[in-house]
Amino acid sequence: MRAAHWLLAALLLPGVGPHDPRIIVDPNASPWRGIGRVQTELGGRCTGFLIAPRSVLTAAHCLYYPRSRHFLQPGSVHFVLGYAFGQFRAHARAVRLDIPADYDPAREGATAGEDWALVTLDAPLGTPDRILKLSETPPSVGTEIALGGYERDREEVMEADLQCRVTGWTGDGADRDLMRHDCTGTSGTSGAPILARGADHTWLVIGLQIIATIGKGEGIAVPSYQIKFNHLREP
C-alpha cells in the first residue's frame, strides 16, 4: 500500500520523488527576496524573479492560455513579491510581455529552449538587494544548486530544495541547450531560478525552471546564458 500511495503521489506531483528534501524558506531573506508569484486573472500560478527594478523573468508557458491558443494580455498578469500565508511585500501588474518568437507552447519539445518570458511591471519592485544576476557561462555537471518557488502542493509558502546539483545536458528539437538537475520541485516552480553560488559567494541564476520530471525529483531548465533579450516577440 505504501508503494502504491507514493506512486500515486508522484504521478500527481511531477518533480517529486520518494525522498522530498524541500523546506519552507523566508521570502524576505536572501536570495529568496527576489522571487515572487506570477499570477494570472484566469487562475494560473507560476514563479518569477526580478532581474531589474521593473523586469521579471518567468516561463513563457505560464503566460499561455490553451483554450484560446493565445498568450495572455499583460494587464491580466500580476507579480506578487514576498508572499506568505496571504500577506505579501509588494504587488505590481504587467504592462508588457516579451516572449521569444521561436517559442511555440504547442510544440514544447521542439522549442523548450526558448520557454522564457520577460515581464515588464507597472511599478519598480526590484531594489538592489532583490535583483538576481544571470550567469553568462555554462555550469559544470555536479555544480551545487538550489531551486525555490511557489509550488502547487503548498501554495501559501515558498519552498526550496537546497541540496541538489546539475546532472547533465540535453537539447530541444532545434538543438538549443537544456540543463538537467536533480532538484525537487513540482508544478508552480515553472519560471523559478536555478541558483548557484558565484566565485564571490553571491547567488547567481544559472537556469530557469521549465519542466518537472514525472515520478522523480528531477527537472529541466533553460540555462541562463541562453536567455537573450534581442530576439523577442512584440506583445
Protein backbone atom coordinates (compact mmCIF):
# COMPACT_ATOMS: atom_id res chain seq x y z
CA MET A 1 0.00 0.00 0.00
CA ARG A 2 2.81 2.40 0.85
CA ALA A 3 4.46 1.90 -2.56
CA ALA A 4 1.12 2.40 -4.30
CA HIS A 5 0.49 5.59 -2.33
CA TRP A 6 3.88 7.02 -3.29
CA LEU A 7 3.34 6.11 -6.95
CA LEU A 8 0.01 7.95 -6.99
CA ALA A 9 1.53 10.98 -5.28
CA ALA A 10 4.44 11.03 -7.74
CA LEU A 11 2.07 10.96 -10.70
CA LEU A 12 0.06 13.82 -9.24
CA LEU A 13 3.17 15.82 -8.31
CA PRO A 14 5.75 15.73 -11.11
CA GLY A 15 9.22 16.62 -9.90
CA VAL A 16 8.77 14.92 -6.51
CA GLY A 17 10.32 11.50 -5.85
CA PRO A 18 10.28 9.12 -2.87
CA HIS A 19 12.57 11.47 -0.90
CA ASP A 20 11.30 15.03 -0.50
CA PRO A 21 14.02 17.43 0.73
CA ARG A 22 12.02 20.66 0.29
CA ILE A 23 11.91 23.10 3.19
CA ILE A 24 9.96 26.31 3.77
CA VAL A 25 12.14 29.39 3.28
CA ASP A 26 11.70 33.03 4.27
CA PRO A 27 10.60 35.01 1.17
CA ASN A 28 12.24 38.13 2.61
CA ALA A 29 15.67 36.55 3.10
CA SER A 30 18.47 36.25 0.53
CA PRO A 31 18.27 35.01 -2.19
CA TRP A 32 14.54 34.32 -1.99
CA ARG A 33 13.62 38.01 -1.61
CA GLY A 34 13.97 38.43 -5.37
CA ILE A 35 11.45 35.67 -6.14
CA GLY A 36 7.68 36.08 -6.35
CA ARG A 37 4.44 34.55 -7.57
CA VAL A 38 3.37 35.15 -11.16
CA GLN A 39 -0.43 35.06 -11.07
CA THR A 40 -2.97 35.41 -13.86
CA GLU A 41 -6.57 36.51 -13.62
CA LEU A 42 -7.56 33.16 -15.14
CA GLY A 43 -6.16 31.33 -12.09
CA GLY A 44 -2.72 30.34 -13.33
CA ARG A 45 0.20 30.46 -10.87
CA CYS A 46 3.90 30.12 -11.51
CA THR A 47 7.11 31.59 -10.11
CA GLY A 48 9.19 34.50 -11.39
CA PHE A 49 12.20 36.53 -10.28
CA LEU A 50 13.43 40.10 -10.54
CA ILE A 51 16.37 40.90 -12.83
CA ALA A 52 15.87 44.70 -12.86
CA PRO A 53 13.64 47.17 -10.97
CA ARG A 54 10.66 46.59 -13.29
CA SER A 55 11.69 43.34 -15.01
CA VAL A 56 10.73 39.78 -14.08
CA LEU A 57 11.74 36.54 -15.75
CA THR A 58 9.35 33.59 -15.80
CA ALA A 59 8.47 30.64 -18.04
CA ALA A 60 6.70 31.55 -21.27
CA HIS A 61 4.26 28.64 -20.98
CA CYS A 62 2.91 30.23 -17.78
CA LEU A 63 1.57 33.13 -19.89
CA TYR A 64 -0.24 30.97 -22.45
CA TYR A 65 -3.95 30.15 -22.29
CA PRO A 66 -4.58 26.80 -24.04
CA ARG A 67 -8.32 27.32 -24.54
CA SER A 68 -7.83 30.44 -26.63
CA ARG A 69 -4.46 29.30 -28.00
CA HIS A 70 -3.07 32.75 -27.33
CA PHE A 71 -0.74 34.38 -24.86
CA LEU A 72 -2.39 36.45 -22.16
CA GLN A 73 -2.78 40.20 -22.25
CA PRO A 74 -0.26 41.95 -19.98
CA GLY A 75 -2.93 43.53 -17.76
CA SER A 76 -4.13 40.12 -16.61
CA VAL A 77 -0.71 39.12 -15.23
CA HIS A 78 0.37 40.06 -11.70
CA PHE A 79 3.66 39.71 -9.80
CA VAL A 80 3.42 39.30 -6.02
CA LEU A 81 6.65 39.69 -4.06
CA GLY A 82 7.39 38.22 -0.63
CA TYR A 83 4.16 36.22 -0.43
CA ALA A 84 3.43 34.01 2.60
CA PHE A 85 0.08 32.96 4.08
CA GLY A 86 -1.92 35.68 2.35
CA GLN A 87 0.50 38.51 3.18
CA PHE A 88 2.99 39.99 0.74
CA ARG A 89 5.69 42.64 0.50
CA ALA A 90 4.65 44.24 -2.80
CA HIS A 91 2.50 43.79 -5.91
CA ALA A 92 2.64 45.05 -9.49
CA ARG A 93 0.77 44.42 -12.72
CA ALA A 94 2.41 43.61 -16.05
CA VAL A 95 2.37 46.26 -18.75
CA ARG A 96 4.35 44.28 -21.31
CA LEU A 97 5.11 40.62 -22.02
CA ASP A 98 8.08 39.78 -24.24
CA ILE A 99 8.28 36.19 -25.47
CA PRO A 100 10.84 34.71 -27.89
CA ALA A 101 9.39 34.50 -31.38
CA ASP A 102 10.61 30.91 -31.78
CA TYR A 103 8.73 29.62 -28.73
CA ASP A 104 5.61 27.59 -29.51
CA PRO A 105 3.73 26.17 -26.50
CA ALA A 106 2.02 23.66 -28.78
CA ARG A 107 5.49 22.29 -29.64
CA GLU A 108 7.19 22.41 -26.24
CA GLY A 109 9.58 19.57 -27.03
CA ALA A 110 10.82 21.33 -30.14
CA THR A 111 11.04 24.84 -28.68
CA ALA A 112 11.64 24.37 -24.93
CA GLY A 113 14.98 26.15 -25.12
CA GLU A 114 13.03 29.37 -25.67
CA ASP A 115 10.46 28.76 -22.90
CA TRP A 116 11.10 32.01 -21.02
CA ALA A 117 9.45 35.42 -20.90
CA LEU A 118 10.35 38.92 -19.80
CA VAL A 119 7.58 40.64 -17.84
CA THR A 120 7.70 44.44 -17.52
CA LEU A 121 5.91 45.74 -14.41
CA ASP A 122 3.95 48.94 -13.88
CA ALA A 123 5.95 49.75 -10.74
CA PRO A 124 9.60 49.21 -9.70
CA LEU A 125 9.81 46.38 -7.16
CA GLY A 126 13.42 45.38 -7.77
CA THR A 127 15.51 47.13 -5.15
CA PRO A 128 19.25 46.32 -5.39
CA ASP A 129 19.01 43.63 -2.69
CA ARG A 130 16.22 41.85 -4.58
CA ILE A 131 17.63 41.80 -8.11
CA LEU A 132 19.15 38.46 -9.16
CA LYS A 133 22.01 38.36 -11.64
CA LEU A 134 22.12 35.95 -14.59
CA SER A 135 25.25 33.89 -15.12
CA GLU A 136 26.69 34.15 -18.62
CA THR A 137 28.68 30.89 -18.53
CA PRO A 138 27.57 27.24 -18.56
CA PRO A 139 27.72 25.50 -15.17
CA SER A 140 29.69 22.29 -14.80
CA VAL A 141 27.95 18.99 -14.22
CA GLY A 142 27.97 18.46 -10.46
CA THR A 143 27.60 22.16 -9.60
CA GLU A 144 25.73 22.56 -6.32
CA ILE A 145 22.46 24.43 -6.86
CA ALA A 146 19.16 25.36 -5.22
CA LEU A 147 15.60 25.66 -6.53
CA GLY A 148 12.90 27.63 -4.72
CA GLY A 149 9.41 28.73 -5.68
CA TYR A 150 5.68 28.59 -5.09
CA GLU A 151 4.54 25.01 -5.59
CA ARG A 152 1.14 23.54 -6.27
CA ASP A 153 1.01 21.36 -3.17
CA ARG A 154 1.88 24.20 -0.71
CA GLU A 155 0.89 27.44 -2.43
CA GLU A 156 0.86 29.61 0.70
CA VAL A 157 4.61 29.39 1.29
CA MET A 158 7.84 29.41 -0.66
CA GLU A 159 9.66 26.09 -0.63
CA ALA A 160 13.17 25.23 -1.73
CA ASP A 161 15.45 22.28 -2.33
CA LEU A 162 18.90 23.34 -1.15
CA GLN A 163 20.67 20.03 -1.76
CA CYS A 164 20.74 19.40 -5.48
CA ARG A 165 23.11 19.53 -8.45
CA VAL A 166 23.38 19.98 -12.19
CA THR A 167 23.26 16.43 -13.56
CA GLY A 168 23.74 16.87 -17.31
CA TRP A 169 22.63 18.40 -20.57
CA THR A 170 20.08 17.74 -23.26
CA GLY A 171 18.51 19.79 -26.06
CA ASP A 172 15.22 20.71 -27.68
CA GLY A 173 14.20 19.97 -31.26
CA ALA A 174 16.32 22.84 -32.56
CA ASP A 175 19.41 21.79 -30.57
CA ARG A 176 19.07 24.62 -28.07
CA ASP A 177 20.69 23.69 -24.76
CA LEU A 178 18.64 22.49 -21.80
CA MET A 179 20.07 21.82 -18.35
CA ARG A 180 19.16 18.74 -16.30
CA HIS A 181 19.14 18.83 -12.50
CA ASP A 182 18.04 16.70 -9.55
CA CYS A 183 16.20 19.41 -7.60
CA THR A 184 12.81 18.54 -6.18
CA GLY A 185 10.17 21.00 -7.37
CA THR A 186 6.67 20.40 -8.70
CA SER A 187 4.05 22.37 -10.65
CA GLY A 188 4.26 26.04 -9.78
CA THR A 189 8.06 26.19 -9.88
CA SER A 190 7.98 26.89 -13.60
CA GLY A 191 9.81 30.19 -14.03
CA ALA A 192 11.78 29.82 -10.81
CA PRO A 193 15.53 30.48 -10.85
CA ILE A 194 18.08 27.70 -10.56
CA LEU A 195 20.62 29.28 -8.19
CA ALA A 196 24.31 28.63 -7.60
CA ARG A 197 27.00 30.39 -5.61
CA GLY A 198 29.36 32.55 -7.64
CA ALA A 199 33.09 32.93 -7.09
CA ASP A 200 32.41 35.74 -4.62
CA HIS A 201 29.82 33.54 -2.82
CA THR A 202 26.89 35.65 -4.03
CA TRP A 203 23.95 33.89 -5.64
CA LEU A 204 23.75 33.69 -9.45
CA VAL A 205 20.91 32.45 -11.64
CA ILE A 206 22.25 29.65 -13.84
CA GLY A 207 18.91 28.50 -15.21
CA LEU A 208 15.14 28.96 -15.34
CA GLN A 209 12.96 26.00 -14.37
CA ILE A 210 10.52 24.83 -17.06
CA ILE A 211 9.87 21.08 -16.66
CA ALA A 212 9.39 18.75 -13.67
CA THR A 213 10.07 15.08 -14.37
CA ILE A 214 7.22 12.63 -13.79
CA GLY A 215 7.90 10.29 -10.85
CA LYS A 216 11.30 11.72 -9.93
CA GLY A 217 12.84 14.59 -8.01
CA GLU A 218 14.33 15.98 -11.20
CA GLY A 219 13.72 18.72 -13.72
CA ILE A 220 14.88 20.64 -16.77
CA ALA A 221 15.81 24.31 -17.03
CA VAL A 222 16.70 26.81 -19.71
CA PRO A 223 20.32 27.78 -18.98
CA SER A 224 20.67 31.48 -18.19
CA TYR A 225 23.40 32.08 -20.78
CA GLN A 226 20.88 31.10 -23.46
CA ILE A 227 18.36 33.77 -22.43
CA LYS A 228 18.88 36.62 -24.87
CA PHE A 229 16.81 39.77 -24.96
CA ASN A 230 17.50 40.79 -28.56
CA HIS A 231 15.11 38.45 -30.36
CA LEU A 232 11.76 38.93 -28.67
CA ARG A 233 8.15 38.87 -29.83
CA GLU A 234 6.30 42.18 -29.68
CA PRO A 235 3.38 41.91 -27.20
